Every structure is written in C-alpha cells, then in structure tokens.
Amino acid sequence: MEDKKYIKYIAKRIRELRGELTQKEFAKKVDPLSQQREISKWESGKHWISLRNLFRIAIAFEKDLSHFDPRHKDIEIEIDEKGVLFLLDSILSHLDNLDSATRAKFYKTLKDKINE
C-alpha cells in the first residue's frame, strides 16, 4: 500500500474510533498532554502519526496495533507490561518541558485515572 493510502487508512480508523467523542475529548482520553489540533492532523490524513501515538490510541481504546494496519490484520500485538512502561517513559520524558501548572494538572489527571 502506498504511503498516502496508508495514511488515509489510519486517519479513517482514528475517526471511527473517536466516534461520538469530540476531538478534544478523544485527545484527553489518549493522552492528558495531547492537543485537539494533533487529532485533527491525524484524522485529516495530512500528517504521519508516530508509532508512539498509535500505541497510545491502541491502549486508550483497548485495540491491537494491527487495527491500524490493513497489511497485518492477522498479527496480534499485545500491550504487556513492557508496553505500558514504554508508554509511561515516553510521557514522563515530556514532563521536564512543561510549566509547573501543566505538570500539576498532568499529575492530578494521572492520580484521578489511577483511582477510578
């Protein structure tokens, strides 16, 4: 599958997953640090989405990564402890770049999610 078609396919799958959620709600479900404009870019198919972000979406919506790749429909990629640690590491690596108010908001959101 050529790149443009592949990007459009992923964009379609993201729109389907979002369903009734607004882009802002979707962004917050995927990652407390995500922005609505990122979701818009992914859904338009005008920008590549990183594997890290696909991984975040897969975790948030309990999907396998192969859900986004029509070439590998029969491959299952489980999100195990290593995957969760990878995701946490990638999120935590961004905390140093945040101002204190945003960092506090992130920690509060994380604490609320843990306590659900």
C-alpha atoms as a PDB file:
ATOM      1  CA  MET A   1       0.000   0.000   0.000  1.00  0.00           C
ATOM      2  CA  GLU A   2       1.471   3.342  -0.956  1.00  0.00           C
ATOM      3  CA  ASP A   3       2.151   5.896   1.767  1.00  0.00           C
ATOM      4  CA  LYS A   4      -0.737   8.269   1.018  1.00  0.00           C
ATOM      5  CA  LYS A   5      -3.296   5.463   1.015  1.00  0.00           C
ATOM      6  CA  TYR A   6      -1.823   4.066   4.210  1.00  0.00           C
ATOM      7  CA  ILE A   7      -2.024   7.460   5.951  1.00  0.00           C
ATOM      8  CA  LYS A   8      -5.642   7.859   4.791  1.00  0.00           C
ATOM      9  CA  TYR A   9      -6.469   4.371   6.088  1.00  0.00           C
ATOM     10  CA  ILE A  10      -5.044   5.176   9.526  1.00  0.00           C
ATOM     11  CA  ALA A  11      -6.907   8.505   9.524  1.00  0.00           C
ATOM     12  CA  LYS A  12     -10.170   6.675   8.796  1.00  0.00           C
ATOM     13  CA  ARG A  13      -9.542   4.192  11.616  1.00  0.00           C
ATOM     14  CA  ILE A  14      -8.864   7.030  14.065  1.00  0.00           C
ATOM     15  CA  ARG A  15     -12.088   8.816  13.046  1.00  0.00           C
ATOM     16  CA  GLU A  16     -14.010   5.562  13.525  1.00  0.00           C
ATOM     17  CA  LEU A  17     -12.540   5.054  16.993  1.00  0.00           C
ATOM     18  CA  ARG A  18     -13.330   8.604  18.010  1.00  0.00           C
ATOM     19  CA  GLY A  19     -16.998   8.045  17.202  1.00  0.00           C
ATOM     20  CA  GLU A  20     -19.164  10.465  19.202  1.00  0.00           C
ATOM     21  CA  LEU A  21     -16.257  11.964  21.155  1.00  0.00           C
ATOM     22  CA  THR A  22     -15.107  15.450  20.263  1.00  0.00           C
ATOM     23  CA  GLN A  23     -11.505  15.717  19.119  1.00  0.00           C
ATOM     24  CA  LYS A  24     -10.687  17.368  22.445  1.00  0.00           C
ATOM     25  CA  GLU A  25     -12.290  14.516  24.434  1.00  0.00           C
ATOM     26  CA  PHE A  26     -10.509  11.980  22.245  1.00  0.00           C
ATOM     27  CA  ALA A  27      -7.172  13.734  22.789  1.00  0.00           C
ATOM     28  CA  LYS A  28      -7.591  13.689  26.569  1.00  0.00           C
ATOM     29  CA  LYS A  29      -8.557  10.005  26.552  1.00  0.00           C
ATOM     30  CA  VAL A  30      -5.467   9.143  24.519  1.00  0.00           C
ATOM     31  CA  ASP A  31      -3.022  11.262  26.490  1.00  0.00           C
ATOM     32  CA  PRO A  32      -3.629  14.037  29.034  1.00  0.00           C
ATOM     33  CA  LEU A  33      -0.972  16.074  27.227  1.00  0.00           C
ATOM     34  CA  SER A  34      -2.487  15.676  23.751  1.00  0.00           C
ATOM     35  CA  GLN A  35      -3.968  18.611  21.918  1.00  0.00           C
ATOM     36  CA  GLN A  36      -7.112  18.681  19.785  1.00  0.00           C
ATOM     37  CA  ARG A  37      -5.091  20.012  16.847  1.00  0.00           C
ATOM     38  CA  GLU A  38      -2.991  16.831  16.843  1.00  0.00           C
ATOM     39  CA  ILE A  39      -6.127  14.717  16.450  1.00  0.00           C
ATOM     40  CA  SER A  40      -7.291  16.975  13.627  1.00  0.00           C
ATOM     41  CA  LYS A  41      -3.988  16.466  11.788  1.00  0.00           C
ATOM     42  CA  TRP A  42      -4.163  12.691  12.205  1.00  0.00           C
ATOM     43  CA  GLU A  43      -7.795  12.495  11.117  1.00  0.00           C
ATOM     44  CA  SER A  44      -7.220  14.642   8.039  1.00  0.00           C
ATOM     45  CA  GLY A  45      -4.580  12.220   6.807  1.00  0.00           C
ATOM     46  CA  LYS A  46      -2.276  15.128   6.046  1.00  0.00           C
ATOM     47  CA  HIS A  47       0.332  14.153   8.644  1.00  0.00           C
ATOM     48  CA  TRP A  48       2.015  10.929   9.663  1.00  0.00           C
ATOM     49  CA  ILE A  49       1.139   9.704  13.109  1.00  0.00           C
ATOM     50  CA  SER A  50       4.025   8.353  15.128  1.00  0.00           C
ATOM     51  CA  LEU A  51       4.094   4.771  16.327  1.00  0.00           C
ATOM     52  CA  ARG A  52       4.155   6.141  19.872  1.00  0.00           C
ATOM     53  CA  ASN A  53       0.861   7.952  19.290  1.00  0.00           C
ATOM     54  CA  LEU A  54      -0.705   4.928  17.610  1.00  0.00           C
ATOM     55  CA  PHE A  55       0.385   2.944  20.647  1.00  0.00           C
ATOM     56  CA  ARG A  56      -1.299   5.468  22.943  1.00  0.00           C
ATOM     57  CA  ILE A  57      -4.541   5.248  20.961  1.00  0.00           C
ATOM     58  CA  ALA A  58      -4.406   1.450  20.987  1.00  0.00           C
ATOM     59  CA  ILE A  59      -4.043   1.416  24.781  1.00  0.00           C
ATOM     60  CA  ALA A  60      -6.769   4.010  25.356  1.00  0.00           C
ATOM     61  CA  PHE A  61      -9.281   2.155  23.187  1.00  0.00           C
ATOM     62  CA  GLU A  62      -8.104  -1.380  24.015  1.00  0.00           C
ATOM     63  CA  LYS A  63      -7.213  -2.109  20.402  1.00  0.00           C
ATOM     64  CA  ASP A  64      -4.383  -4.048  18.897  1.00  0.00           C
ATOM     65  CA  LEU A  65      -1.882  -2.059  16.821  1.00  0.00           C
ATOM     66  CA  SER A  66      -2.788  -4.199  13.832  1.00  0.00           C
ATOM     67  CA  HIS A  67      -6.183  -2.432  13.940  1.00  0.00           C
ATOM     68  CA  PHE A  68      -4.416   0.447  12.163  1.00  0.00           C
ATOM     69  CA  ASP A  69      -2.533  -1.590   9.564  1.00  0.00           C
ATOM     70  CA  PRO A  70      -4.520  -3.360   6.847  1.00  0.00           C
ATOM     71  CA  ARG A  71      -1.407  -5.272   5.756  1.00  0.00           C
ATOM     72  CA  HIS A  72      -1.202  -7.142   9.046  1.00  0.00           C
ATOM     73  CA  LYS A  73      -4.767  -7.903  10.070  1.00  0.00           C
ATOM     74  CA  ASP A  74      -3.828 -11.342  11.399  1.00  0.00           C
ATOM     75  CA  ILE A  75      -0.999 -10.145  13.625  1.00  0.00           C
ATOM     76  CA  GLU A  76      -1.795  -9.502  17.259  1.00  0.00           C
ATOM     77  CA  ILE A  77       0.455  -7.243  19.272  1.00  0.00           C
ATOM     78  CA  GLU A  78      -0.355  -7.447  22.929  1.00  0.00           C
ATOM     79  CA  ILE A  79       0.192  -4.458  25.145  1.00  0.00           C
ATOM     80  CA  ASP A  80       2.047  -6.032  28.016  1.00  0.00           C
ATOM     81  CA  GLU A  81       3.941  -4.636  30.989  1.00  0.00           C
ATOM     82  CA  LYS A  82       6.875  -3.589  28.782  1.00  0.00           C
ATOM     83  CA  GLY A  83       4.492  -1.687  26.525  1.00  0.00           C
ATOM     84  CA  VAL A  84       2.954   0.142  29.442  1.00  0.00           C
ATOM     85  CA  LEU A  85       6.413   1.014  30.784  1.00  0.00           C
ATOM     86  CA  PHE A  86       7.414   2.302  27.335  1.00  0.00           C
ATOM     87  CA  LEU A  87       4.340   4.498  27.239  1.00  0.00           C
ATOM     88  CA  LEU A  88       4.918   5.838  30.753  1.00  0.00           C
ATOM     89  CA  ASP A  89       8.546   6.552  29.942  1.00  0.00           C
ATOM     90  CA  SER A  90       7.578   8.490  26.834  1.00  0.00           C
ATOM     91  CA  ILE A  91       5.051  10.565  28.781  1.00  0.00           C
ATOM     92  CA  LEU A  92       7.411  11.217  31.668  1.00  0.00           C
ATOM     93  CA  SER A  93      10.169  12.316  29.294  1.00  0.00           C
ATOM     94  CA  HIS A  94       7.966  15.277  28.319  1.00  0.00           C
ATOM     95  CA  LEU A  95       7.303  16.448  31.871  1.00  0.00           C
ATOM     96  CA  ASP A  96      10.565  18.357  32.102  1.00  0.00           C
ATOM     97  CA  ASN A  97       9.397  20.567  29.237  1.00  0.00           C
ATOM     98  CA  LEU A  98       6.151  21.555  30.942  1.00  0.00           C
ATOM     99  CA  ASP A  99       5.488  24.548  33.112  1.00  0.00           C
ATOM    100  CA  SER A 100       4.604  23.776  36.728  1.00  0.00           C
ATOM    101  CA  ALA A 101       0.845  24.375  36.301  1.00  0.00           C
ATOM    102  CA  THR A 102       0.604  21.946  33.370  1.00  0.00           C
ATOM    103  CA  ARG A 103       2.754  19.404  35.207  1.00  0.00           C
ATOM    104  CA  ALA A 104       0.457  19.657  38.262  1.00  0.00           C
ATOM    105  CA  LYS A 105      -2.597  19.178  36.020  1.00  0.00           C
ATOM    106  CA  PHE A 106      -0.977  16.096  34.486  1.00  0.00           C
ATOM    107  CA  TYR A 107      -0.258  14.563  37.897  1.00  0.00           C
ATOM    108  CA  LYS A 108      -3.809  15.268  39.073  1.00  0.00           C
ATOM    109  CA  THR A 109      -5.252  13.626  35.945  1.00  0.00           C
ATOM    110  CA  LEU A 110      -2.978  10.630  36.388  1.00  0.00           C
ATOM    111  CA  LYS A 111      -3.949  10.289  40.044  1.00  0.00           C
ATOM    112  CA  ASP A 112      -7.662  10.527  39.166  1.00  0.00           C
ATOM    113  CA  LYS A 113      -7.284   7.831  36.481  1.00  0.00           C
ATOM    114  CA  ILE A 114      -5.464   5.517  38.881  1.00  0.00           C
ATOM    115  CA  ASN A 115      -8.179   5.945  41.486  1.00  0.00           C
ATOM    116  CA  GLU A 116     -11.064   5.198  39.057  1.00  0.00           C
END
